PDB file of N, CA and C in Angstrom:
ATOM      1  N   MET A   1       6.893 -15.992  -2.527  1.00  0.00           N
ATOM      2  CA  MET A   1       6.816 -14.500  -2.600  1.00  0.00           C
ATOM      3  C   MET A   1       6.702 -13.727  -4.354  1.00  0.00           C
ATOM      4  N   PHE A   2       5.792 -13.940  -4.680  1.00  0.00           N
ATOM      5  CA  PHE A   2       5.565 -13.479  -6.185  1.00  0.00           C
ATOM      6  C   PHE A   2       6.238 -14.192  -7.078  1.00  0.00           C
ATOM      7  N   GLY A   3       5.836 -15.440  -6.413  1.00  0.00           N
ATOM      8  CA  GLY A   3       6.115 -16.822  -7.433  1.00  0.00           C
ATOM      9  C   GLY A   3       7.869 -16.978  -8.004  1.00  0.00           C
ATOM     10  N   LEU A   4       9.024 -15.873  -7.408  1.00  0.00           N
ATOM     11  CA  LEU A   4       9.907 -16.309  -7.489  1.00  0.00           C
ATOM     12  C   LEU A   4      10.955 -17.442  -6.741  1.00  0.00           C
ATOM     13  N   GLY A   5      12.113 -17.846  -7.307  1.00  0.00           N
ATOM     14  CA  GLY A   5      12.356 -18.791  -6.206  1.00  0.00           C
ATOM     15  C   GLY A   5      13.645 -17.896  -5.910  1.00  0.00           C
ATOM     16  N   THR A   6      14.593 -19.239  -5.439  1.00  0.00           N
ATOM     17  CA  THR A   6      15.870 -18.535  -4.716  1.00  0.00           C
ATOM     18  C   THR A   6      16.755 -18.141  -5.612  1.00  0.00           C
ATOM     19  N   GLN A   7      17.298 -18.129  -7.014  1.00  0.00           N
ATOM     20  CA  GLN A   7      17.899 -18.255  -7.667  1.00  0.00           C
ATOM     21  C   GLN A   7      17.402 -17.357  -8.919  1.00  0.00           C
ATOM     22  N   GLU A   8      16.275 -16.804  -8.881  1.00  0.00           N
ATOM     23  CA  GLU A   8      15.456 -15.360  -9.192  1.00  0.00           C
ATOM     24  C   GLU A   8      16.213 -14.128  -8.598  1.00  0.00           C
ATOM     25  N   LEU A   9      15.453 -14.796  -7.223  1.00  0.00           N
ATOM     26  CA  LEU A   9      15.870 -13.764  -6.169  1.00  0.00           C
ATOM     27  C   LEU A   9      17.369 -12.664  -5.896  1.00  0.00           C
ATOM     28  N   LEU A  10      18.276 -14.237  -6.402  1.00  0.00           N
ATOM     29  CA  LEU A  10      19.617 -13.983  -5.681  1.00  0.00           C
ATOM     30  C   LEU A  10      20.285 -12.956  -7.523  1.00  0.00           C
ATOM     31  N   ILE A  11      19.253 -13.206  -8.590  1.00  0.00           N
ATOM     32  CA  ILE A  11      19.931 -13.024  -9.139  1.00  0.00           C
ATOM     33  C   ILE A  11      19.232 -11.171  -9.798  1.00  0.00           C
ATOM     34  N   ILE A  12      18.484 -11.025  -9.170  1.00  0.00           N
ATOM     35  CA  ILE A  12      18.028  -9.840  -9.278  1.00  0.00           C
ATOM     36  C   ILE A  12      18.530  -9.188  -7.895  1.00  0.00           C
ATOM     37  N   LEU A  13      19.166  -9.265  -6.896  1.00  0.00           N
ATOM     38  CA  LEU A  13      20.515  -8.630  -5.954  1.00  0.00           C
ATOM     39  C   LEU A  13      21.277  -8.624  -6.551  1.00  0.00           C
ATOM     40  N   VAL A  14      22.098  -9.660  -7.176  1.00  0.00           N
ATOM     41  CA  VAL A  14      23.308  -9.236  -8.181  1.00  0.00           C
ATOM     42  C   VAL A  14      23.300  -7.983  -8.789  1.00  0.00           C
ATOM     43  N   LEU A  15      21.933  -8.236  -9.976  1.00  0.00           N
ATOM     44  CA  LEU A  15      22.041  -6.760 -10.643  1.00  0.00           C
ATOM     45  C   LEU A  15      22.038  -5.487  -9.814  1.00  0.00           C
ATOM     46  N   VAL A  16      20.475  -5.241  -8.841  1.00  0.00           N
ATOM     47  CA  VAL A  16      20.952  -4.665  -7.721  1.00  0.00           C
ATOM     48  C   VAL A  16      22.253  -4.092  -7.833  1.00  0.00           C
ATOM     49  N   MET A  17      23.112  -4.886  -7.086  1.00  0.00           N
ATOM     50  CA  MET A  17      23.829  -4.579  -6.723  1.00  0.00           C
ATOM     51  C   MET A  17      25.309  -3.797  -7.657  1.00  0.00           C
ATOM     52  N   VAL A  18      24.803  -4.008  -8.901  1.00  0.00           N
ATOM     53  CA  VAL A  18      25.573  -3.962 -10.021  1.00  0.00           C
ATOM     54  C   VAL A  18      25.346  -2.646 -10.257  1.00  0.00           C
ATOM     55  N   ILE A  19      24.015  -2.795 -10.359  1.00  0.00           N
ATOM     56  CA  ILE A  19      23.783  -0.998 -10.822  1.00  0.00           C
ATOM     57  C   ILE A  19      23.606   0.183  -9.742  1.00  0.00           C
ATOM     58  N   PHE A  20      23.411  -0.447  -8.532  1.00  0.00           N
ATOM     59  CA  PHE A  20      23.943   0.575  -7.425  1.00  0.00           C
ATOM     60  C   PHE A  20      24.979   0.685  -6.621  1.00  0.00           C
ATOM     61  N   GLY A  21      25.573  -0.124  -7.091  1.00  0.00           N
ATOM     62  CA  GLY A  21      26.750  -0.525  -5.758  1.00  0.00           C
ATOM     63  C   GLY A  21      26.231  -0.775  -4.490  1.00  0.00           C
ATOM     64  N   ALA A  22      27.162  -1.349  -3.975  1.00  0.00           N
ATOM     65  CA  ALA A  22      27.421  -2.177  -2.291  1.00  0.00           C
ATOM     66  C   ALA A  22      26.833  -0.851  -1.481  1.00  0.00           C
ATOM     67  N   GLY A  23      27.671   0.348  -1.714  1.00  0.00           N
ATOM     68  CA  GLY A  23      27.834   1.283  -0.823  1.00  0.00           C
ATOM     69  C   GLY A  23      26.247   1.987  -0.769  1.00  0.00           C
ATOM     70  N   LYS A  24      25.270   1.499  -1.857  1.00  0.00           N
ATOM     71  CA  LYS A  24      24.286   2.775  -2.212  1.00  0.00           C
ATOM     72  C   LYS A  24      23.075   1.390  -1.201  1.00  0.00           C
ATOM     73  N   LEU A  25      23.261   0.352  -1.601  1.00  0.00           N
ATOM     74  CA  LEU A  25      22.215  -0.667  -1.349  1.00  0.00           C
ATOM     75  C   LEU A  25      21.606   0.081   0.030  1.00  0.00           C
ATOM     76  N   PRO A  26      21.851   0.652   1.063  1.00  0.00           N
ATOM     77  CA  PRO A  26      20.676   0.369   2.170  1.00  0.00           C
ATOM     78  C   PRO A  26      20.014   1.783   1.582  1.00  0.00           C
ATOM     79  N   GLN A  27      20.480   2.345   0.982  1.00  0.00           N
ATOM     80  CA  GLN A  27      19.875   4.076   0.557  1.00  0.00           C
ATOM     81  C   GLN A  27      18.738   3.385   0.007  1.00  0.00           C
ATOM     82  N   VAL A  28      18.600   2.416  -0.780  1.00  0.00           N
ATOM     83  CA  VAL A  28      18.136   1.565  -2.275  1.00  0.00           C
ATOM     84  C   VAL A  28      16.740   1.255  -0.985  1.00  0.00           C
ATOM     85  N   GLY A  29      17.517   0.904  -0.521  1.00  0.00           N
ATOM     86  CA  GLY A  29      16.166  -0.459   0.487  1.00  0.00           C
ATOM     87  C   GLY A  29      15.550   1.095   1.515  1.00  0.00           C
ATOM     88  N   SER A  30      16.028   1.624   2.239  1.00  0.00           N
ATOM     89  CA  SER A  30      15.392   2.495   2.869  1.00  0.00           C
ATOM     90  C   SER A  30      14.356   3.159   2.091  1.00  0.00           C
ATOM     91  N   ALA A  31      14.558   3.501   0.700  1.00  0.00           N
ATOM     92  CA  ALA A  31      13.911   4.151  -0.124  1.00  0.00           C
ATOM     93  C   ALA A  31      12.850   3.299  -0.563  1.00  0.00           C
ATOM     94  N   LEU A  32      12.529   2.171  -0.971  1.00  0.00           N
ATOM     95  CA  LEU A  32      11.777   1.257  -1.110  1.00  0.00           C
ATOM     96  C   LEU A  32      10.849   1.375  -0.286  1.00  0.00           C
ATOM     97  N   GLY A  33      11.589   0.679   1.278  1.00  0.00           N
ATOM     98  CA  GLY A  33      10.534   0.718   2.651  1.00  0.00           C
ATOM     99  C   GLY A  33       9.374   2.072   2.449  1.00  0.00           C
ATOM    100  N   LYS A  34      10.357   2.910   2.842  1.00  0.00           N
ATOM    101  CA  LYS A  34       9.346   4.366   2.559  1.00  0.00           C
ATOM    102  C   LYS A  34       8.248   4.294   1.902  1.00  0.00           C
ATOM    103  N   GLY A  35       8.824   3.774   0.335  1.00  0.00           N
ATOM    104  CA  GLY A  35       7.337   4.088  -0.379  1.00  0.00           C
ATOM    105  C   GLY A  35       6.741   3.043  -0.069  1.00  0.00           C
ATOM    106  N   ILE A  36       6.903   1.484   0.279  1.00  0.00           N
ATOM    107  CA  ILE A  36       5.874   0.469   0.685  1.00  0.00           C
ATOM    108  C   ILE A  36       5.191   1.173   1.504  1.00  0.00           C
ATOM    109  N   ARG A  37       5.661   1.881   2.757  1.00  0.00           N
ATOM    110  CA  ARG A  37       4.894   2.235   3.876  1.00  0.00           C
ATOM    111  C   ARG A  37       4.067   3.414   3.747  1.00  0.00           C
ATOM    112  N   ASN A  38       4.366   4.576   2.674  1.00  0.00           N
ATOM    113  CA  ASN A  38       3.328   5.364   1.886  1.00  0.00           C
ATOM    114  C   ASN A  38       2.251   4.727   1.347  1.00  0.00           C
ATOM    115  N   PHE A  39       2.519   3.505   0.544  1.00  0.00           N
ATOM    116  CA  PHE A  39       1.198   3.087  -0.322  1.00  0.00           C
ATOM    117  C   PHE A  39       0.444   2.419   0.832  1.00  0.00           C
ATOM    118  N   LYS A  40       1.420   1.587   1.570  1.00  0.00           N
ATOM    119  CA  LYS A  40       0.130   1.343   2.526  1.00  0.00           C
ATOM    120  C   LYS A  40      -0.788   2.322   3.570  1.00  0.00           C
ATOM    121  N   LYS A  41      -0.330   3.351   3.449  1.00  0.00           N
ATOM    122  CA  LYS A  41      -1.144   4.440   4.445  1.00  0.00           C
ATOM    123  C   LYS A  41      -2.207   4.572   3.557  1.00  0.00           C
ATOM    124  N   GLY A  42      -1.733   5.476   2.227  1.00  0.00           N
ATOM    125  CA  GLY A  42      -2.585   5.782   1.169  1.00  0.00           C
ATOM    126  C   GLY A  42      -3.610   4.676   1.238  1.00  0.00           C
ATOM    127  N   VAL A  43      -3.460   3.275   1.065  1.00  0.00           N
ATOM    128  CA  VAL A  43      -4.118   2.691   1.119  1.00  0.00           C
ATOM    129  C   VAL A  43      -5.182   2.687   2.176  1.00  0.00           C
ATOM    130  N   THR A  44      -5.144   2.428   3.262  1.00  0.00           N
ATOM    131  CA  THR A  44      -5.615   2.218   4.771  1.00  0.00           C
ATOM    132  C   THR A  44      -6.386   4.242   4.704  1.00  0.00           C
ATOM    133  N   GLU A  45      -6.094   4.708   4.441  1.00  0.00           N
ATOM    134  CA  GLU A  45      -6.513   6.600   4.383  1.00  0.00           C
ATOM    135  C   GLU A  45      -7.883   6.448   3.385  1.00  0.00           C
ATOM    136  N   ILE A  46      -7.709   5.595   2.237  1.00  0.00           N
ATOM    137  CA  ILE A  46      -8.767   5.250   1.347  1.00  0.00           C
ATOM    138  C   ILE A  46      -9.904   4.515   1.788  1.00  0.00           C
ATOM    139  N   GLU A  47      -9.217   3.758   2.705  1.00  0.00           N
ATOM    140  CA  GLU A  47     -10.599   2.383   3.431  1.00  0.00           C
ATOM    141  C   GLU A  47     -11.103   3.250   4.084  1.00  0.00           C
ATOM    142  N   ASP A  48     -10.453   3.430   5.202  1.00  0.00           N
ATOM    143  CA  ASP A  48     -11.235   4.277   6.075  1.00  0.00           C
ATOM    144  C   ASP A  48     -12.297   5.655   5.303  1.00  0.00           C
ATOM    145  N   LEU A  49     -11.861   6.073   4.435  1.00  0.00           N
ATOM    146  CA  LEU A  49     -13.051   7.325   3.816  1.00  0.00           C
ATOM    147  C   LEU A  49     -14.164   6.792   3.258  1.00  0.00           C
ATOM    148  N   ASP A  50     -13.726   5.402   2.908  1.00  0.00           N
ATOM    149  CA  ASP A  50     -15.111   4.791   2.156  1.00  0.00           C
ATOM    150  C   ASP A  50     -15.756   4.006   3.271  1.00  0.00           C
ATOM    151  N   VAL A  51     -15.117   3.523   4.417  1.00  0.00           N
ATOM    152  CA  VAL A  51     -16.373   3.498   5.439  1.00  0.00           C
ATOM    153  C   VAL A  51     -17.081   4.447   5.644  1.00  0.00           C
ATOM    154  N   ALA A  52     -16.222   5.632   5.905  1.00  0.00           N
ATOM    155  CA  ALA A  52     -16.949   6.545   6.299  1.00  0.00           C
ATOM    156  C   ALA A  52     -18.148   6.986   5.975  1.00  0.00           C
ATOM    157  N   ASN A  53     -17.908   7.102   4.567  1.00  0.00           N
ATOM    158  CA  ASN A  53     -18.729   7.799   3.470  1.00  0.00           C
ATOM    159  C   ASN A  53     -19.902   6.624   3.329  1.00  0.00           C
ATOM    160  N   LEU A  54     -20.048   5.440   3.585  1.00  0.00           N
ATOM    161  CA  LEU A  54     -20.733   4.040   3.336  1.00  0.00           C
ATOM    162  C   LEU A  54     -21.766   4.606   4.524  1.00  0.00           C
ATOM    163  N   ASP A  55     -20.696   4.588   5.493  1.00  0.00           N
ATOM    164  CA  ASP A  55     -21.549   5.112   7.435  1.00  0.00           C
ATOM    165  C   ASP A  55     -22.557   6.457   7.506  1.00  0.00           C
ATOM    166  N   GLU A  56     -21.822   7.294   6.795  1.00  0.00           N
ATOM    167  CA  GLU A  56     -22.873   8.393   6.288  1.00  0.00           C
ATOM    168  C   GLU A  56     -23.973   8.584   5.338  1.00  0.00           C
ATOM    169  N   LYS A  57     -24.066   7.550   4.566  1.00  0.00           N
ATOM    170  CA  LYS A  57     -25.037   7.409   2.949  1.00  0.00           C
ATOM    171  C   LYS A  57     -26.317   6.429   3.913  1.00  0.00           C
ATOM    172  N   LYS A  58     -25.745   5.656   5.015  1.00  0.00           N
ATOM    173  CA  LYS A  58     -26.894   4.527   5.936  1.00  0.00           C
ATOM    174  C   LYS A  58     -27.345   5.465   6.837  1.00  0.00           C
ATOM    175  N   LYS A  59     -26.814   6.551   7.017  1.00  0.00           N
ATOM    176  CA  LYS A  59     -27.244   7.336   8.090  1.00  0.00           C
ATOM    177  C   LYS A  59     -28.251   8.372   7.981  1.00  0.00           C
ATOM    178  N   THR A  60     -28.158   8.473   6.247  1.00  0.00           N
ATOM    179  CA  THR A  60     -29.051   9.908   5.657  1.00  0.00           C
ATOM    180  C   THR A  60     -29.840   8.948   4.839  1.00  0.00           C
ATOM    181  N   GLU A  61     -29.510   7.672   4.605  1.00  0.00           N
ATOM    182  CA  GLU A  61     -30.755   6.588   3.678  1.00  0.00           C
ATOM    183  C   GLU A  61     -32.315   6.599   5.651  1.00  0.00           C
ATOM    184  N   SER A  62     -31.426   6.340   6.438  1.00  0.00           N
ATOM    185  CA  SER A  62     -32.277   5.671   7.560  1.00  0.00           C
ATOM    186  C   SER A  62     -33.146   6.763   8.146  1.00  0.00           C
ATOM    187  N   GLU A  63     -32.232   8.213   7.871  1.00  0.00           N
ATOM    188  CA  GLU A  63     -33.307   9.579   7.912  1.00  0.00           C
ATOM    189  C   GLU A  63     -33.901  10.029   7.355  1.00  0.00           C
ATOM    190  N   SER A  64     -33.751   9.917   5.899  1.00  0.00           N
ATOM    191  CA  SER A  64     -35.132  10.188   4.633  1.00  0.00           C
ATOM    192  C   SER A  64     -36.037   8.707   4.637  1.00  0.00           C
ATOM    193  N   GLU A  65     -35.689   7.651   5.583  1.00  0.00           N
ATOM    194  CA  GLU A  65     -37.232   7.081   5.698  1.00  0.00           C
ATOM    195  C   GLU A  65     -37.876   7.010   7.054  1.00  0.00           C
ATOM    196  N   ARG A  66     -37.337   7.630   8.208  1.00  0.00           N
ATOM    197  CA  ARG A  66     -38.226   7.850   9.163  1.00  0.00           C
ATOM    198  C   ARG A  66     -39.440   9.493   9.066  1.00  0.00           C
ATOM    199  N   HIS A  67     -38.420  10.157   7.861  1.00  0.00           N
ATOM    200  CA  HIS A  67     -39.243  11.195   7.574  1.00  0.00           C
ATOM    201  C   HIS A  67     -40.340  10.841   6.650  1.00  0.00           C
ATOM    202  N   ALA A  68     -39.907  10.031   5.933  1.00  0.00           N
ATOM    203  CA  ALA A  68     -41.176   9.607   4.616  1.00  0.00           C
ATOM    204  C   ALA A  68     -42.320   8.516   5.396  1.00  0.00           C
ATOM    205  N   GLY A  69     -41.721   7.734   6.591  1.00  0.00           N
ATOM    206  CA  GLY A  69     -42.940   7.023   7.180  1.00  0.00           C
ATOM    207  C   GLY A  69     -43.418   7.344   8.029  1.00  0.00           C
TER     208      GLY A  69
END
């Protein structure tokens, strides 16, 4: 996972607990999860929009070819 070993992850976890405290850890995790979820949703929406635009472009080109030929 991102080239991090067990020791690095443990150090990061300890630093997060020191900075935020053990009580805030669930809130930090929840916020991080929501952020990742929103990011994935945004990427999916952009991909869907790109596919829709590509389909529309192909449709327009095929209509142009029919009228020209």
